[in-house]
Each structure stands twice: as C-alpha cells, then as structure tokens.
Amino acid sequence: MRKTMTILRYVFAVILILFGIIGTYAMITEGYNPQSEGILLFGKTFRQLHDAIMMSYLGPFVRLAQLFAGILLLTKRYWWIGLLFYLPFAVNIFLIHIIHDMPPAHPGFFASGMIVSIMNFILVFYEKDRLKQLVVTPKTK
C-alpha cells in the first residue's frame, strides 16, 4: 500500500505542477480571461465567485501555490509540507464545486477540481498517523 501511495503522491505532484504552470503562463501572457476557462457555461453565482477569486490577488497565488506544493511533493524529505500546505486549497476547491457547481456545468472543470481535492484528501487520510506526529506533540512524563 505504501508504494501505491507514493505513486499517487507523484501523480498528484505532477498534476499540481502542470496546472500551476499552465495557469501561471496563461495569466502572465493573457491575463485572466473567463472565456478561456469555460466559466461562461456556469451559473451567475459561480461565475461571479470565480471571477472575483481569479481577478484578485488570489488567482495568481493559487497558481503559484500549486507549483510550490507540487515541487514539495516531489521531494523525499519535505513532501508532507506540500501536502499540508495544499490542504486548505483542496478543501476550498472541493466545497466551491460541490456547493456552487452541482450539477456540473462543465464536466472537465468539475473533474479537475475534484481530482486535485480528492487526491489530497486520500493522501492526508493515508498519512494521518505520520502527520499527526508533526502537528500534535504527545505529552510525556
């Protein structure tokens, strides 16, 4: 099972790096263009929410966070920092899609959000005992 989770971690890292590179490149060269992401297919509430996020400082920050987390996930020693660093983003992406994108208006957009979120959740759940040691300090007498 450990080998499967290691492979999943590397796949997750590559996906985050690709999303980060593609998104960062598009933002640098084109700026934010809602039509390039298919946002016009979504409902008004989701479009407004997504546009507000992507046009603020959060848009570039999310793209750079994907790159940072993906690179850390590829390391042998600091991969868990990338996993924990990306967890709040994964929860946010998951909830935005579940609350504001049901039924999915654009299956590819919905699937990409769910893939990065669920992969992060699976890895955190599988490594919860190891990560617990980093977050919770046991009391010793």
N, C-alpha and C. Protein backbone atom coordinates (compact mmCIF):
# COMPACT_ATOMS: atom_id res chain seq x y z
N MET A 1 0.82 -1.20 0.00
CA MET A 1 0.00 0.00 0.00
C MET A 1 0.87 1.27 0.00
N ARG A 2 2.00 1.21 0.67
CA ARG A 2 2.90 2.37 0.73
C ARG A 2 3.37 2.75 -0.68
N LYS A 3 3.68 1.74 -1.50
CA LYS A 3 4.15 2.01 -2.86
C LYS A 3 3.05 2.69 -3.69
N THR A 4 1.81 2.25 -3.51
CA THR A 4 0.68 2.84 -4.22
C THR A 4 0.51 4.31 -3.83
N MET A 5 0.64 4.60 -2.55
CA MET A 5 0.51 5.98 -2.08
C MET A 5 1.66 6.85 -2.56
N THR A 6 2.84 6.28 -2.68
CA THR A 6 3.98 7.03 -3.21
C THR A 6 3.74 7.38 -4.67
N ILE A 7 3.23 6.43 -5.43
CA ILE A 7 2.91 6.68 -6.83
C ILE A 7 1.82 7.74 -6.93
N LEU A 8 0.79 7.63 -6.08
CA LEU A 8 -0.29 8.62 -6.07
C LEU A 8 0.24 10.01 -5.73
N ARG A 9 1.18 10.07 -4.81
CA ARG A 9 1.79 11.36 -4.44
C ARG A 9 2.52 11.97 -5.62
N TYR A 10 3.28 11.15 -6.36
CA TYR A 10 4.00 11.68 -7.52
C TYR A 10 3.05 12.11 -8.64
N VAL A 11 1.99 11.35 -8.84
CA VAL A 11 0.99 11.73 -9.85
C VAL A 11 0.33 13.05 -9.44
N PHE A 12 -0.02 13.16 -8.17
CA PHE A 12 -0.63 14.38 -7.64
C PHE A 12 0.32 15.57 -7.83
N ALA A 13 1.60 15.36 -7.55
CA ALA A 13 2.61 16.42 -7.71
C ALA A 13 2.69 16.87 -9.16
N VAL A 14 2.71 15.95 -10.08
CA VAL A 14 2.81 16.29 -11.50
C VAL A 14 1.56 17.05 -11.95
N ILE A 15 0.39 16.61 -11.50
CA ILE A 15 -0.86 17.32 -11.85
C ILE A 15 -0.82 18.75 -11.32
N LEU A 16 -0.42 18.92 -10.06
CA LEU A 16 -0.35 20.27 -9.50
C LEU A 16 0.64 21.14 -10.26
N ILE A 17 1.79 20.58 -10.58
CA ILE A 17 2.80 21.35 -11.31
C ILE A 17 2.29 21.74 -12.70
N LEU A 18 1.64 20.80 -13.39
CA LEU A 18 1.09 21.12 -14.72
C LEU A 18 0.01 22.19 -14.63
N PHE A 19 -0.93 22.03 -13.68
CA PHE A 19 -1.98 23.05 -13.52
C PHE A 19 -1.35 24.40 -13.16
N GLY A 20 -0.35 24.38 -12.30
CA GLY A 20 0.31 25.61 -11.90
C GLY A 20 1.03 26.28 -13.06
N ILE A 21 1.76 25.50 -13.85
CA ILE A 21 2.50 26.06 -14.99
C ILE A 21 1.54 26.60 -16.04
N ILE A 22 0.54 25.81 -16.39
CA ILE A 22 -0.42 26.23 -17.42
C ILE A 22 -1.17 27.48 -16.96
N GLY A 23 -1.65 27.47 -15.72
CA GLY A 23 -2.40 28.63 -15.21
C GLY A 23 -1.54 29.87 -15.07
N THR A 24 -0.33 29.71 -14.57
CA THR A 24 0.57 30.85 -14.41
C THR A 24 0.95 31.43 -15.76
N TYR A 25 1.28 30.56 -16.70
CA TYR A 25 1.64 31.02 -18.05
C TYR A 25 0.48 31.78 -18.69
N ALA A 26 -0.73 31.22 -18.56
CA ALA A 26 -1.90 31.88 -19.16
C ALA A 26 -2.16 33.24 -18.51
N MET A 27 -1.98 33.31 -17.19
CA MET A 27 -2.21 34.59 -16.51
C MET A 27 -1.16 35.63 -16.91
N ILE A 28 0.08 35.19 -17.10
CA ILE A 28 1.14 36.13 -17.47
C ILE A 28 0.96 36.61 -18.90
N THR A 29 0.64 35.70 -19.82
CA THR A 29 0.56 36.06 -21.23
C THR A 29 -0.77 36.70 -21.61
N GLU A 30 -1.89 36.22 -21.05
CA GLU A 30 -3.21 36.69 -21.46
C GLU A 30 -3.93 37.51 -20.40
N GLY A 31 -3.48 37.42 -19.15
CA GLY A 31 -4.28 37.97 -18.06
C GLY A 31 -5.40 36.99 -17.77
N TYR A 32 -6.36 37.38 -16.98
CA TYR A 32 -7.47 36.49 -16.69
C TYR A 32 -8.53 36.63 -17.76
N ASN A 33 -8.87 35.54 -18.40
CA ASN A 33 -9.88 35.51 -19.44
C ASN A 33 -10.91 34.45 -19.09
N PRO A 34 -12.12 34.84 -18.64
CA PRO A 34 -13.11 33.84 -18.25
C PRO A 34 -13.52 32.92 -19.40
N GLN A 35 -13.43 33.41 -20.62
CA GLN A 35 -13.83 32.57 -21.75
C GLN A 35 -12.84 31.43 -21.98
N SER A 36 -11.59 31.62 -21.63
CA SER A 36 -10.61 30.56 -21.85
C SER A 36 -10.80 29.40 -20.88
N GLU A 37 -11.47 29.64 -19.77
CA GLU A 37 -11.69 28.58 -18.79
C GLU A 37 -13.10 28.00 -18.87
N GLY A 38 -13.91 28.46 -19.79
CA GLY A 38 -15.26 27.94 -19.92
C GLY A 38 -16.19 28.39 -18.81
N ILE A 39 -15.88 29.48 -18.14
CA ILE A 39 -16.66 29.94 -17.00
C ILE A 39 -18.04 30.42 -17.42
N LEU A 40 -18.18 30.84 -18.67
CA LEU A 40 -19.46 31.36 -19.12
C LEU A 40 -20.55 30.29 -19.14
N LEU A 41 -20.17 29.02 -19.05
CA LEU A 41 -21.16 27.93 -19.02
C LEU A 41 -21.81 27.80 -17.65
N PHE A 42 -21.22 28.37 -16.64
CA PHE A 42 -21.70 28.20 -15.28
C PHE A 42 -22.79 29.19 -14.93
N GLY A 43 -23.43 28.96 -13.80
CA GLY A 43 -24.44 29.87 -13.30
C GLY A 43 -23.83 31.20 -12.87
N LYS A 44 -24.69 32.19 -12.67
CA LYS A 44 -24.24 33.54 -12.36
C LYS A 44 -23.45 33.59 -11.06
N THR A 45 -23.91 32.90 -10.02
CA THR A 45 -23.24 32.92 -8.72
C THR A 45 -21.83 32.34 -8.82
N PHE A 46 -21.70 31.21 -9.50
CA PHE A 46 -20.39 30.58 -9.63
C PHE A 46 -19.46 31.45 -10.46
N ARG A 47 -19.97 32.03 -11.54
CA ARG A 47 -19.14 32.90 -12.39
C ARG A 47 -18.62 34.09 -11.60
N GLN A 48 -19.51 34.72 -10.84
CA GLN A 48 -19.10 35.89 -10.06
C GLN A 48 -18.06 35.51 -9.00
N LEU A 49 -18.27 34.37 -8.34
CA LEU A 49 -17.33 33.91 -7.33
C LEU A 49 -15.97 33.61 -7.95
N HIS A 50 -15.97 32.88 -9.04
CA HIS A 50 -14.73 32.51 -9.71
C HIS A 50 -14.01 33.74 -10.26
N ASP A 51 -14.76 34.64 -10.87
CA ASP A 51 -14.15 35.87 -11.40
C ASP A 51 -13.53 36.70 -10.28
N ALA A 52 -14.23 36.80 -9.15
CA ALA A 52 -13.71 37.58 -8.03
C ALA A 52 -12.40 36.98 -7.52
N ILE A 53 -12.34 35.67 -7.43
CA ILE A 53 -11.13 34.99 -6.96
C ILE A 53 -9.99 35.19 -7.95
N MET A 54 -10.26 34.93 -9.21
CA MET A 54 -9.20 34.94 -10.21
C MET A 54 -8.71 36.36 -10.55
N MET A 55 -9.55 37.37 -10.38
CA MET A 55 -9.12 38.73 -10.70
C MET A 55 -8.46 39.41 -9.50
N SER A 56 -8.57 38.83 -8.32
CA SER A 56 -7.91 39.39 -7.15
C SER A 56 -6.50 38.80 -7.04
N TYR A 57 -5.84 39.07 -5.95
CA TYR A 57 -4.51 38.51 -5.72
C TYR A 57 -4.56 36.99 -5.56
N LEU A 58 -5.74 36.44 -5.26
CA LEU A 58 -5.85 35.01 -5.03
C LEU A 58 -5.62 34.18 -6.30
N GLY A 59 -5.98 34.71 -7.46
CA GLY A 59 -5.79 33.96 -8.71
C GLY A 59 -4.33 33.56 -8.92
N PRO A 60 -3.42 34.54 -8.99
CA PRO A 60 -2.01 34.17 -9.15
C PRO A 60 -1.47 33.39 -7.96
N PHE A 61 -1.95 33.70 -6.76
CA PHE A 61 -1.48 32.99 -5.57
C PHE A 61 -1.84 31.51 -5.63
N VAL A 62 -3.05 31.19 -6.08
CA VAL A 62 -3.46 29.78 -6.20
C VAL A 62 -2.58 29.07 -7.21
N ARG A 63 -2.31 29.70 -8.33
CA ARG A 63 -1.45 29.07 -9.36
C ARG A 63 -0.03 28.84 -8.82
N LEU A 64 0.52 29.83 -8.14
CA LEU A 64 1.86 29.67 -7.58
C LEU A 64 1.87 28.66 -6.44
N ALA A 65 0.79 28.59 -5.68
CA ALA A 65 0.68 27.61 -4.59
C ALA A 65 0.66 26.19 -5.16
N GLN A 66 0.02 26.01 -6.30
CA GLN A 66 0.03 24.69 -6.94
C GLN A 66 1.45 24.30 -7.32
N LEU A 67 2.19 25.24 -7.88
CA LEU A 67 3.59 24.95 -8.23
C LEU A 67 4.42 24.61 -7.00
N PHE A 68 4.29 25.43 -5.96
CA PHE A 68 5.05 25.23 -4.73
C PHE A 68 4.72 23.87 -4.09
N ALA A 69 3.44 23.57 -3.96
CA ALA A 69 3.03 22.30 -3.35
C ALA A 69 3.48 21.12 -4.21
N GLY A 70 3.35 21.23 -5.52
CA GLY A 70 3.77 20.14 -6.40
C GLY A 70 5.25 19.86 -6.31
N ILE A 71 6.05 20.92 -6.26
CA ILE A 71 7.50 20.73 -6.14
C ILE A 71 7.86 20.09 -4.81
N LEU A 72 7.22 20.54 -3.73
CA LEU A 72 7.48 19.93 -2.42
C LEU A 72 7.06 18.47 -2.38
N LEU A 73 5.96 18.13 -3.05
CA LEU A 73 5.50 16.74 -3.07
C LEU A 73 6.49 15.82 -3.78
N LEU A 74 7.30 16.36 -4.64
CA LEU A 74 8.30 15.54 -5.34
C LEU A 74 9.54 15.28 -4.50
N THR A 75 9.72 16.05 -3.43
CA THR A 75 10.91 15.86 -2.60
C THR A 75 10.73 14.64 -1.70
N LYS A 76 11.83 14.10 -1.27
CA LYS A 76 11.80 12.92 -0.42
C LYS A 76 11.59 13.28 1.05
N ARG A 77 12.10 14.44 1.43
CA ARG A 77 12.08 14.80 2.84
C ARG A 77 10.94 15.76 3.22
N TYR A 78 10.55 16.66 2.33
CA TYR A 78 9.58 17.70 2.69
C TYR A 78 8.24 17.56 1.98
N TRP A 79 7.94 16.39 1.46
CA TRP A 79 6.70 16.18 0.73
C TRP A 79 5.46 16.47 1.58
N TRP A 80 5.53 16.17 2.88
CA TRP A 80 4.38 16.35 3.76
C TRP A 80 4.03 17.83 3.93
N ILE A 81 5.02 18.72 3.79
CA ILE A 81 4.74 20.15 3.87
C ILE A 81 3.86 20.56 2.68
N GLY A 82 4.19 20.05 1.50
CA GLY A 82 3.37 20.33 0.32
C GLY A 82 1.96 19.80 0.48
N LEU A 83 1.84 18.62 1.07
CA LEU A 83 0.53 18.00 1.29
C LEU A 83 -0.32 18.85 2.24
N LEU A 84 0.27 19.26 3.35
CA LEU A 84 -0.47 20.08 4.32
C LEU A 84 -0.69 21.50 3.81
N PHE A 85 0.29 22.03 3.06
CA PHE A 85 0.16 23.37 2.51
C PHE A 85 -1.02 23.45 1.54
N TYR A 86 -1.20 22.42 0.73
CA TYR A 86 -2.25 22.45 -0.28
C TYR A 86 -3.62 22.06 0.27
N LEU A 87 -3.69 21.49 1.45
CA LEU A 87 -4.95 21.02 2.01
C LEU A 87 -6.03 22.11 2.08
N PRO A 88 -5.76 23.32 2.58
CA PRO A 88 -6.84 24.33 2.58
C PRO A 88 -7.33 24.69 1.18
N PHE A 89 -6.45 24.69 0.20
CA PHE A 89 -6.86 24.95 -1.18
C PHE A 89 -7.78 23.83 -1.67
N ALA A 90 -7.41 22.58 -1.34
CA ALA A 90 -8.20 21.43 -1.77
C ALA A 90 -9.59 21.45 -1.16
N VAL A 91 -9.68 21.79 0.12
CA VAL A 91 -10.99 21.88 0.78
C VAL A 91 -11.83 22.98 0.12
N ASN A 92 -11.22 24.12 -0.13
CA ASN A 92 -11.92 25.23 -0.77
C ASN A 92 -12.41 24.85 -2.17
N ILE A 93 -11.56 24.26 -2.96
CA ILE A 93 -11.93 23.84 -4.32
C ILE A 93 -13.08 22.83 -4.27
N PHE A 94 -12.96 21.86 -3.37
CA PHE A 94 -13.98 20.82 -3.24
C PHE A 94 -15.33 21.45 -2.87
N LEU A 95 -15.35 22.30 -1.85
CA LEU A 95 -16.61 22.89 -1.41
C LEU A 95 -17.22 23.83 -2.44
N ILE A 96 -16.39 24.62 -3.11
CA ILE A 96 -16.93 25.51 -4.14
C ILE A 96 -17.60 24.70 -5.24
N HIS A 97 -16.99 23.61 -5.66
CA HIS A 97 -17.59 22.80 -6.73
C HIS A 97 -18.84 22.06 -6.24
N ILE A 98 -18.81 21.55 -5.03
CA ILE A 98 -19.97 20.82 -4.51
C ILE A 98 -21.15 21.76 -4.25
N ILE A 99 -20.88 22.94 -3.73
CA ILE A 99 -21.97 23.86 -3.38
C ILE A 99 -22.45 24.66 -4.59
N HIS A 100 -21.52 25.18 -5.40
CA HIS A 100 -21.91 26.10 -6.47
C HIS A 100 -21.89 25.49 -7.87
N ASP A 101 -21.47 24.25 -8.01
CA ASP A 101 -21.33 23.66 -9.35
C ASP A 101 -22.05 22.32 -9.44
N MET A 102 -23.22 22.21 -8.83
CA MET A 102 -23.98 20.97 -8.93
C MET A 102 -25.31 21.27 -9.59
N PRO A 103 -25.71 20.56 -10.62
CA PRO A 103 -24.93 19.58 -11.36
C PRO A 103 -23.83 20.28 -12.15
N PRO A 104 -22.76 19.54 -12.44
CA PRO A 104 -21.61 20.18 -13.11
C PRO A 104 -21.99 20.77 -14.47
N ALA A 105 -21.65 22.06 -14.63
CA ALA A 105 -21.92 22.73 -15.90
C ALA A 105 -20.87 22.37 -16.94
N HIS A 106 -19.66 22.10 -16.49
CA HIS A 106 -18.55 21.77 -17.37
C HIS A 106 -17.83 20.58 -16.76
N PRO A 107 -18.06 19.37 -17.26
CA PRO A 107 -17.50 18.16 -16.62
C PRO A 107 -15.98 18.17 -16.46
N GLY A 108 -15.26 18.74 -17.41
CA GLY A 108 -13.80 18.78 -17.31
C GLY A 108 -13.33 19.67 -16.18
N PHE A 109 -13.95 20.82 -16.04
CA PHE A 109 -13.61 21.77 -14.98
C PHE A 109 -13.93 21.16 -13.61
N PHE A 110 -15.11 20.56 -13.52
CA PHE A 110 -15.54 19.91 -12.28
C PHE A 110 -14.59 18.76 -11.92
N ALA A 111 -14.27 17.94 -12.92
CA ALA A 111 -13.39 16.78 -12.68
C ALA A 111 -12.00 17.21 -12.24
N SER A 112 -11.46 18.26 -12.85
CA SER A 112 -10.11 18.69 -12.46
C SER A 112 -10.09 19.17 -11.02
N GLY A 113 -11.13 19.88 -10.60
CA GLY A 113 -11.23 20.32 -9.21
C GLY A 113 -11.37 19.17 -8.25
N MET A 114 -12.19 18.19 -8.62
CA MET A 114 -12.40 17.03 -7.76
C MET A 114 -11.15 16.15 -7.68
N ILE A 115 -10.44 16.02 -8.78
CA ILE A 115 -9.24 15.17 -8.80
C ILE A 115 -8.19 15.71 -7.83
N VAL A 116 -7.88 17.01 -7.91
CA VAL A 116 -6.85 17.54 -7.02
C VAL A 116 -7.31 17.52 -5.57
N SER A 117 -8.59 17.75 -5.34
CA SER A 117 -9.10 17.73 -3.97
C SER A 117 -9.08 16.33 -3.39
N ILE A 118 -9.64 15.38 -4.11
CA ILE A 118 -9.76 14.01 -3.59
C ILE A 118 -8.39 13.35 -3.45
N MET A 119 -7.48 13.61 -4.38
CA MET A 119 -6.13 13.05 -4.23
C MET A 119 -5.47 13.58 -2.96
N ASN A 120 -5.65 14.87 -2.68
CA ASN A 120 -5.08 15.44 -1.46
C ASN A 120 -5.73 14.80 -0.24
N PHE A 121 -7.05 14.64 -0.24
CA PHE A 121 -7.75 14.03 0.90
C PHE A 121 -7.28 12.60 1.14
N ILE A 122 -7.13 11.83 0.07
CA ILE A 122 -6.70 10.43 0.20
C ILE A 122 -5.30 10.37 0.81
N LEU A 123 -4.40 11.19 0.30
CA LEU A 123 -3.02 11.17 0.81
C LEU A 123 -2.96 11.63 2.27
N VAL A 124 -3.72 12.64 2.63
CA VAL A 124 -3.73 13.10 4.03
C VAL A 124 -4.32 12.01 4.92
N PHE A 125 -5.40 11.39 4.47
CA PHE A 125 -6.02 10.33 5.28
C PHE A 125 -5.06 9.15 5.45
N TYR A 126 -4.40 8.75 4.39
CA TYR A 126 -3.49 7.63 4.47
C TYR A 126 -2.30 7.93 5.38
N GLU A 127 -1.83 9.14 5.36
CA GLU A 127 -0.66 9.53 6.14
C GLU A 127 -1.03 10.20 7.47
N LYS A 128 -2.27 10.06 7.90
CA LYS A 128 -2.73 10.79 9.09
C LYS A 128 -1.93 10.46 10.34
N ASP A 129 -1.50 9.23 10.52
CA ASP A 129 -0.72 8.89 11.71
C ASP A 129 0.65 9.57 11.69
N ARG A 130 1.27 9.57 10.55
CA ARG A 130 2.57 10.23 10.41
C ARG A 130 2.44 11.74 10.55
N LEU A 131 1.41 12.31 9.95
CA LEU A 131 1.20 13.76 10.02
C LEU A 131 0.78 14.20 11.41
N LYS A 132 0.06 13.34 12.11
CA LYS A 132 -0.38 13.66 13.47
C LYS A 132 0.82 13.89 14.38
N GLN A 133 1.88 13.15 14.17
CA GLN A 133 3.08 13.31 14.97
C GLN A 133 3.73 14.68 14.75
N LEU A 134 3.53 15.23 13.58
CA LEU A 134 4.10 16.55 13.26
C LEU A 134 3.28 17.68 13.85
N VAL A 135 1.98 17.46 13.98
CA VAL A 135 1.09 18.52 14.41
C VAL A 135 0.82 18.45 15.92
N VAL A 136 0.62 17.25 16.43
CA VAL A 136 0.29 17.06 17.84
C VAL A 136 1.52 16.52 18.57
N THR A 137 1.91 17.20 19.60
CA THR A 137 3.06 16.75 20.39
C THR A 137 2.54 15.93 21.57
N PRO A 138 2.91 14.67 21.63
CA PRO A 138 2.44 13.85 22.76
C PRO A 138 3.06 14.32 24.07
N LYS A 139 2.26 14.27 25.13
CA LYS A 139 2.76 14.67 26.44
C LYS A 139 3.50 13.51 27.06
N THR A 140 4.68 13.78 27.54
CA THR A 140 5.49 12.75 28.20
C THR A 140 5.71 13.14 29.65
N LYS A 141 5.83 12.14 30.49
CA LYS A 141 6.07 12.40 31.91
C LYS A 141 7.49 12.16 32.28
